[in-house]
Amino acid sequence: MISSSRPADLPRRRPDVHARGVDSEVLVLDRVRGFIHQLNPTAAFVWMRCTGDRSAVDIARELADIFEVTPEIAARDVAATVAQFRALQLMDTDADPLGESTAA
């Protein structure tokens, strides 16, 4: 299958944010902003796949298979989770929403 994903469609977590598994959850440490975020298993699943090499659609397909939910629910949950990561400034911002580099 040929992917038509643009760079902006490939969510990527910030490289300076660290995550650690604790029991069935993941703790995300953002030292720059001074926050620790506790992710539930679904959000942790999405977080671990935000590596910049797969689209939100790809992540949703994986989530639907693993968590045995409908593709529609998976797509909605992944989109909401990635949007929340962005709102929390946990995602890499080297690319603007159009996928163009903003680095000087």
N, C-alpha and C. Protein backbone atom coordinates (compact mmCIF):
# COMPACT_ATOMS: atom_id res chain seq x y z
N MET A 1 0.83 -1.16 0.00
CA MET A 1 0.00 0.00 0.00
C MET A 1 0.88 1.24 0.00
N ILE A 2 0.51 2.22 -0.80
CA ILE A 2 1.26 3.47 -0.88
C ILE A 2 0.64 4.45 0.10
N SER A 3 1.47 5.05 0.92
CA SER A 3 1.00 6.02 1.89
C SER A 3 1.06 7.41 1.29
N SER A 4 0.00 8.19 1.52
CA SER A 4 -0.02 9.56 1.03
C SER A 4 0.18 10.54 2.18
N SER A 5 0.72 10.07 3.28
CA SER A 5 0.90 10.90 4.46
C SER A 5 1.91 12.01 4.20
N ARG A 6 1.54 13.21 4.62
CA ARG A 6 2.48 14.32 4.62
C ARG A 6 3.19 14.32 5.96
N PRO A 7 4.32 15.00 6.09
CA PRO A 7 5.03 15.03 7.37
C PRO A 7 4.15 15.46 8.54
N ALA A 8 3.22 16.40 8.33
CA ALA A 8 2.36 16.86 9.41
C ALA A 8 1.42 15.75 9.89
N ASP A 9 1.22 14.74 9.07
CA ASP A 9 0.34 13.63 9.43
C ASP A 9 1.07 12.53 10.19
N LEU A 10 2.35 12.76 10.47
CA LEU A 10 3.16 11.76 11.16
C LEU A 10 3.52 12.29 12.55
N PRO A 11 2.64 12.06 13.53
CA PRO A 11 2.91 12.62 14.86
C PRO A 11 4.22 12.11 15.45
N ARG A 12 4.96 13.04 16.05
CA ARG A 12 6.25 12.68 16.64
C ARG A 12 6.39 13.38 17.99
N ARG A 13 6.66 12.58 19.01
CA ARG A 13 6.84 13.16 20.35
C ARG A 13 8.16 13.92 20.41
N ARG A 14 8.22 14.88 21.31
CA ARG A 14 9.45 15.65 21.48
C ARG A 14 10.57 14.73 21.94
N PRO A 15 11.75 14.88 21.37
CA PRO A 15 12.86 13.99 21.75
C PRO A 15 13.38 14.21 23.17
N ASP A 16 13.09 15.38 23.75
CA ASP A 16 13.58 15.66 25.10
C ASP A 16 12.59 15.26 26.19
N VAL A 17 11.47 14.68 25.81
CA VAL A 17 10.47 14.21 26.77
C VAL A 17 10.68 12.71 26.96
N HIS A 18 10.73 12.30 28.21
CA HIS A 18 11.04 10.90 28.52
C HIS A 18 9.82 10.20 29.10
N ALA A 19 9.69 8.91 28.80
CA ALA A 19 8.57 8.12 29.30
C ALA A 19 9.09 6.87 30.01
N ARG A 20 8.34 6.46 31.01
CA ARG A 20 8.70 5.26 31.77
C ARG A 20 7.42 4.52 32.13
N GLY A 21 7.41 3.22 31.90
CA GLY A 21 6.28 2.39 32.27
C GLY A 21 6.24 2.15 33.77
N VAL A 22 5.06 2.31 34.34
CA VAL A 22 4.83 2.04 35.75
C VAL A 22 3.51 1.28 35.84
N ASP A 23 3.60 0.00 36.24
CA ASP A 23 2.43 -0.88 36.25
C ASP A 23 1.82 -0.89 34.85
N SER A 24 0.53 -0.58 34.72
CA SER A 24 -0.11 -0.64 33.40
C SER A 24 -0.19 0.74 32.75
N GLU A 25 0.50 1.72 33.31
CA GLU A 25 0.46 3.07 32.78
C GLU A 25 1.86 3.54 32.39
N VAL A 26 1.91 4.69 31.77
CA VAL A 26 3.18 5.30 31.39
C VAL A 26 3.22 6.70 31.98
N LEU A 27 4.35 7.03 32.59
CA LEU A 27 4.59 8.39 33.08
C LEU A 27 5.47 9.09 32.06
N VAL A 28 5.07 10.29 31.67
CA VAL A 28 5.80 11.10 30.71
C VAL A 28 6.36 12.30 31.45
N LEU A 29 7.68 12.43 31.42
CA LEU A 29 8.37 13.51 32.14
C LEU A 29 8.80 14.59 31.15
N ASP A 30 8.25 15.77 31.35
CA ASP A 30 8.59 16.94 30.54
C ASP A 30 9.38 17.88 31.45
N ARG A 31 10.70 17.72 31.46
CA ARG A 31 11.56 18.52 32.34
C ARG A 31 11.58 19.99 31.93
N VAL A 32 11.45 20.26 30.64
CA VAL A 32 11.50 21.64 30.16
C VAL A 32 10.33 22.44 30.73
N ARG A 33 9.15 21.86 30.71
CA ARG A 33 7.96 22.56 31.20
C ARG A 33 7.66 22.25 32.66
N GLY A 34 8.35 21.25 33.22
CA GLY A 34 8.18 20.92 34.62
C GLY A 34 6.92 20.14 34.95
N PHE A 35 6.52 19.23 34.05
CA PHE A 35 5.31 18.44 34.27
C PHE A 35 5.60 16.95 34.15
N ILE A 36 4.81 16.18 34.89
CA ILE A 36 4.77 14.73 34.74
C ILE A 36 3.33 14.39 34.35
N HIS A 37 3.18 13.65 33.26
CA HIS A 37 1.86 13.26 32.78
C HIS A 37 1.70 11.75 32.97
N GLN A 38 0.55 11.34 33.46
CA GLN A 38 0.25 9.93 33.66
C GLN A 38 -0.70 9.49 32.55
N LEU A 39 -0.25 8.54 31.73
CA LEU A 39 -1.05 8.07 30.60
C LEU A 39 -1.70 6.74 30.92
N ASN A 40 -2.96 6.62 30.56
CA ASN A 40 -3.63 5.33 30.69
C ASN A 40 -3.13 4.40 29.58
N PRO A 41 -3.51 3.13 29.59
CA PRO A 41 -2.97 2.19 28.58
C PRO A 41 -3.23 2.61 27.13
N THR A 42 -4.39 3.17 26.85
CA THR A 42 -4.68 3.59 25.47
C THR A 42 -3.80 4.76 25.06
N ALA A 43 -3.71 5.77 25.91
CA ALA A 43 -2.86 6.92 25.60
C ALA A 43 -1.39 6.50 25.50
N ALA A 44 -0.98 5.57 26.37
CA ALA A 44 0.40 5.06 26.32
C ALA A 44 0.67 4.36 25.00
N PHE A 45 -0.29 3.59 24.52
CA PHE A 45 -0.17 2.89 23.24
C PHE A 45 0.07 3.91 22.13
N VAL A 46 -0.74 4.98 22.14
CA VAL A 46 -0.59 6.03 21.11
C VAL A 46 0.76 6.72 21.27
N TRP A 47 1.12 7.08 22.50
CA TRP A 47 2.38 7.79 22.76
C TRP A 47 3.57 7.02 22.22
N MET A 48 3.63 5.73 22.50
CA MET A 48 4.77 4.93 22.09
C MET A 48 4.88 4.81 20.57
N ARG A 49 3.81 5.09 19.85
CA ARG A 49 3.82 5.00 18.40
C ARG A 49 3.98 6.36 17.71
N CYS A 50 4.04 7.42 18.48
CA CYS A 50 4.24 8.77 17.91
C CYS A 50 5.74 8.99 17.69
N THR A 51 6.28 8.29 16.73
CA THR A 51 7.71 8.32 16.46
C THR A 51 8.05 9.05 15.17
N GLY A 52 7.03 9.57 14.48
CA GLY A 52 7.27 10.30 13.24
C GLY A 52 7.38 9.42 12.02
N ASP A 53 7.19 8.11 12.20
CA ASP A 53 7.29 7.21 11.04
C ASP A 53 5.98 6.50 10.73
N ARG A 54 4.91 6.83 11.43
CA ARG A 54 3.60 6.28 11.10
C ARG A 54 2.54 7.36 11.31
N SER A 55 1.51 7.28 10.51
CA SER A 55 0.45 8.28 10.57
C SER A 55 -0.53 7.96 11.69
N ALA A 56 -1.36 8.94 12.01
CA ALA A 56 -2.42 8.72 13.00
C ALA A 56 -3.37 7.62 12.50
N VAL A 57 -3.57 7.55 11.21
CA VAL A 57 -4.41 6.49 10.63
C VAL A 57 -3.78 5.12 10.88
N ASP A 58 -2.47 5.02 10.69
CA ASP A 58 -1.76 3.76 10.95
C ASP A 58 -1.86 3.38 12.43
N ILE A 59 -1.69 4.36 13.30
CA ILE A 59 -1.77 4.11 14.74
C ILE A 59 -3.18 3.64 15.10
N ALA A 60 -4.18 4.27 14.51
CA ALA A 60 -5.58 3.89 14.77
C ALA A 60 -5.86 2.45 14.31
N ARG A 61 -5.30 2.06 13.19
CA ARG A 61 -5.48 0.67 12.73
C ARG A 61 -4.90 -0.31 13.74
N GLU A 62 -3.69 -0.01 14.21
CA GLU A 62 -3.05 -0.87 15.21
C GLU A 62 -3.88 -0.91 16.49
N LEU A 63 -4.36 0.25 16.92
CA LEU A 63 -5.15 0.33 18.14
C LEU A 63 -6.42 -0.49 18.02
N ALA A 64 -7.09 -0.38 16.87
CA ALA A 64 -8.32 -1.15 16.65
C ALA A 64 -8.06 -2.64 16.76
N ASP A 65 -6.96 -3.10 16.19
CA ASP A 65 -6.62 -4.52 16.25
C ASP A 65 -6.29 -4.98 17.66
N ILE A 66 -5.44 -4.24 18.35
CA ILE A 66 -4.96 -4.64 19.67
C ILE A 66 -6.05 -4.53 20.73
N PHE A 67 -6.79 -3.42 20.72
CA PHE A 67 -7.80 -3.17 21.75
C PHE A 67 -9.19 -3.69 21.36
N GLU A 68 -9.29 -4.24 20.15
CA GLU A 68 -10.54 -4.82 19.65
C GLU A 68 -11.71 -3.84 19.72
N VAL A 69 -11.48 -2.67 19.13
CA VAL A 69 -12.52 -1.66 19.00
C VAL A 69 -12.74 -1.40 17.52
N THR A 70 -13.82 -0.72 17.20
CA THR A 70 -14.11 -0.43 15.79
C THR A 70 -13.09 0.57 15.25
N PRO A 71 -12.85 0.54 13.95
CA PRO A 71 -11.93 1.51 13.35
C PRO A 71 -12.36 2.96 13.60
N GLU A 72 -13.66 3.21 13.65
CA GLU A 72 -14.15 4.57 13.89
C GLU A 72 -13.80 5.05 15.30
N ILE A 73 -13.99 4.17 16.27
CA ILE A 73 -13.65 4.53 17.66
C ILE A 73 -12.15 4.73 17.79
N ALA A 74 -11.38 3.85 17.17
CA ALA A 74 -9.92 3.96 17.23
C ALA A 74 -9.46 5.27 16.61
N ALA A 75 -9.99 5.61 15.44
CA ALA A 75 -9.60 6.85 14.76
C ALA A 75 -9.94 8.07 15.61
N ARG A 76 -11.13 8.06 16.21
CA ARG A 76 -11.54 9.17 17.07
C ARG A 76 -10.63 9.30 18.28
N ASP A 77 -10.34 8.16 18.93
CA ASP A 77 -9.50 8.18 20.13
C ASP A 77 -8.07 8.60 19.83
N VAL A 78 -7.52 8.12 18.73
CA VAL A 78 -6.14 8.50 18.36
C VAL A 78 -6.09 9.99 18.04
N ALA A 79 -7.04 10.49 17.27
CA ALA A 79 -7.06 11.92 16.93
C ALA A 79 -7.17 12.77 18.19
N ALA A 80 -8.04 12.38 19.12
CA ALA A 80 -8.21 13.14 20.36
C ALA A 80 -6.95 13.07 21.22
N THR A 81 -6.33 11.91 21.27
CA THR A 81 -5.12 11.75 22.09
C THR A 81 -3.96 12.56 21.53
N VAL A 82 -3.75 12.49 20.23
CA VAL A 82 -2.67 13.26 19.60
C VAL A 82 -2.94 14.76 19.77
N ALA A 83 -4.19 15.17 19.65
CA ALA A 83 -4.53 16.58 19.85
C ALA A 83 -4.22 17.01 21.29
N GLN A 84 -4.50 16.13 22.23
CA GLN A 84 -4.20 16.46 23.62
C GLN A 84 -2.69 16.53 23.85
N PHE A 85 -1.94 15.61 23.26
CA PHE A 85 -0.47 15.67 23.35
C PHE A 85 0.04 17.00 22.80
N ARG A 86 -0.54 17.43 21.67
CA ARG A 86 -0.12 18.71 21.08
C ARG A 86 -0.48 19.87 22.00
N ALA A 87 -1.67 19.84 22.58
CA ALA A 87 -2.10 20.91 23.49
C ALA A 87 -1.19 20.98 24.71
N LEU A 88 -0.68 19.83 25.14
CA LEU A 88 0.23 19.78 26.28
C LEU A 88 1.68 20.07 25.88
N GLN A 89 1.88 20.36 24.60
CA GLN A 89 3.19 20.68 24.03
C GLN A 89 4.17 19.52 24.18
N LEU A 90 3.67 18.31 24.04
CA LEU A 90 4.52 17.12 24.12
C LEU A 90 5.00 16.65 22.76
N MET A 91 4.44 17.21 21.70
CA MET A 91 4.80 16.78 20.36
C MET A 91 5.88 17.68 19.78
N ASP A 92 6.69 17.11 18.90
CA ASP A 92 7.77 17.83 18.25
C ASP A 92 7.16 18.91 17.36
N THR A 93 7.68 20.11 17.46
CA THR A 93 7.15 21.22 16.66
C THR A 93 8.13 21.68 15.59
N ASP A 94 9.04 20.80 15.17
CA ASP A 94 9.97 21.16 14.09
C ASP A 94 9.24 21.40 12.78
N ALA A 95 8.02 20.89 12.69
CA ALA A 95 7.22 21.10 11.48
C ALA A 95 5.94 21.83 11.86
N ASP A 96 5.55 22.77 11.04
CA ASP A 96 4.29 23.47 11.30
C ASP A 96 3.14 22.60 10.81
N PRO A 97 1.87 23.03 10.98
CA PRO A 97 0.74 22.20 10.55
C PRO A 97 0.75 21.82 9.08
N LEU A 98 1.48 22.55 8.26
CA LEU A 98 1.57 22.20 6.85
C LEU A 98 2.75 21.30 6.55
N GLY A 99 3.49 20.95 7.59
CA GLY A 99 4.61 20.04 7.42
C GLY A 99 5.89 20.73 6.97
N GLU A 100 5.92 22.06 6.99
CA GLU A 100 7.11 22.78 6.57
C GLU A 100 7.96 23.07 7.78
N SER A 101 9.25 23.00 7.63
CA SER A 101 10.17 23.24 8.75
C SER A 101 10.07 24.65 9.24
N THR A 102 10.06 24.79 10.59
CA THR A 102 10.05 26.12 11.19
C THR A 102 11.38 26.42 11.83
N ALA A 103 12.34 25.49 11.73
CA ALA A 103 13.66 25.71 12.33
C ALA A 103 14.43 26.74 11.52
N ALA A 104 15.15 27.61 12.20
CA ALA A 104 15.92 28.66 11.50
C ALA A 104 17.24 28.12 11.02
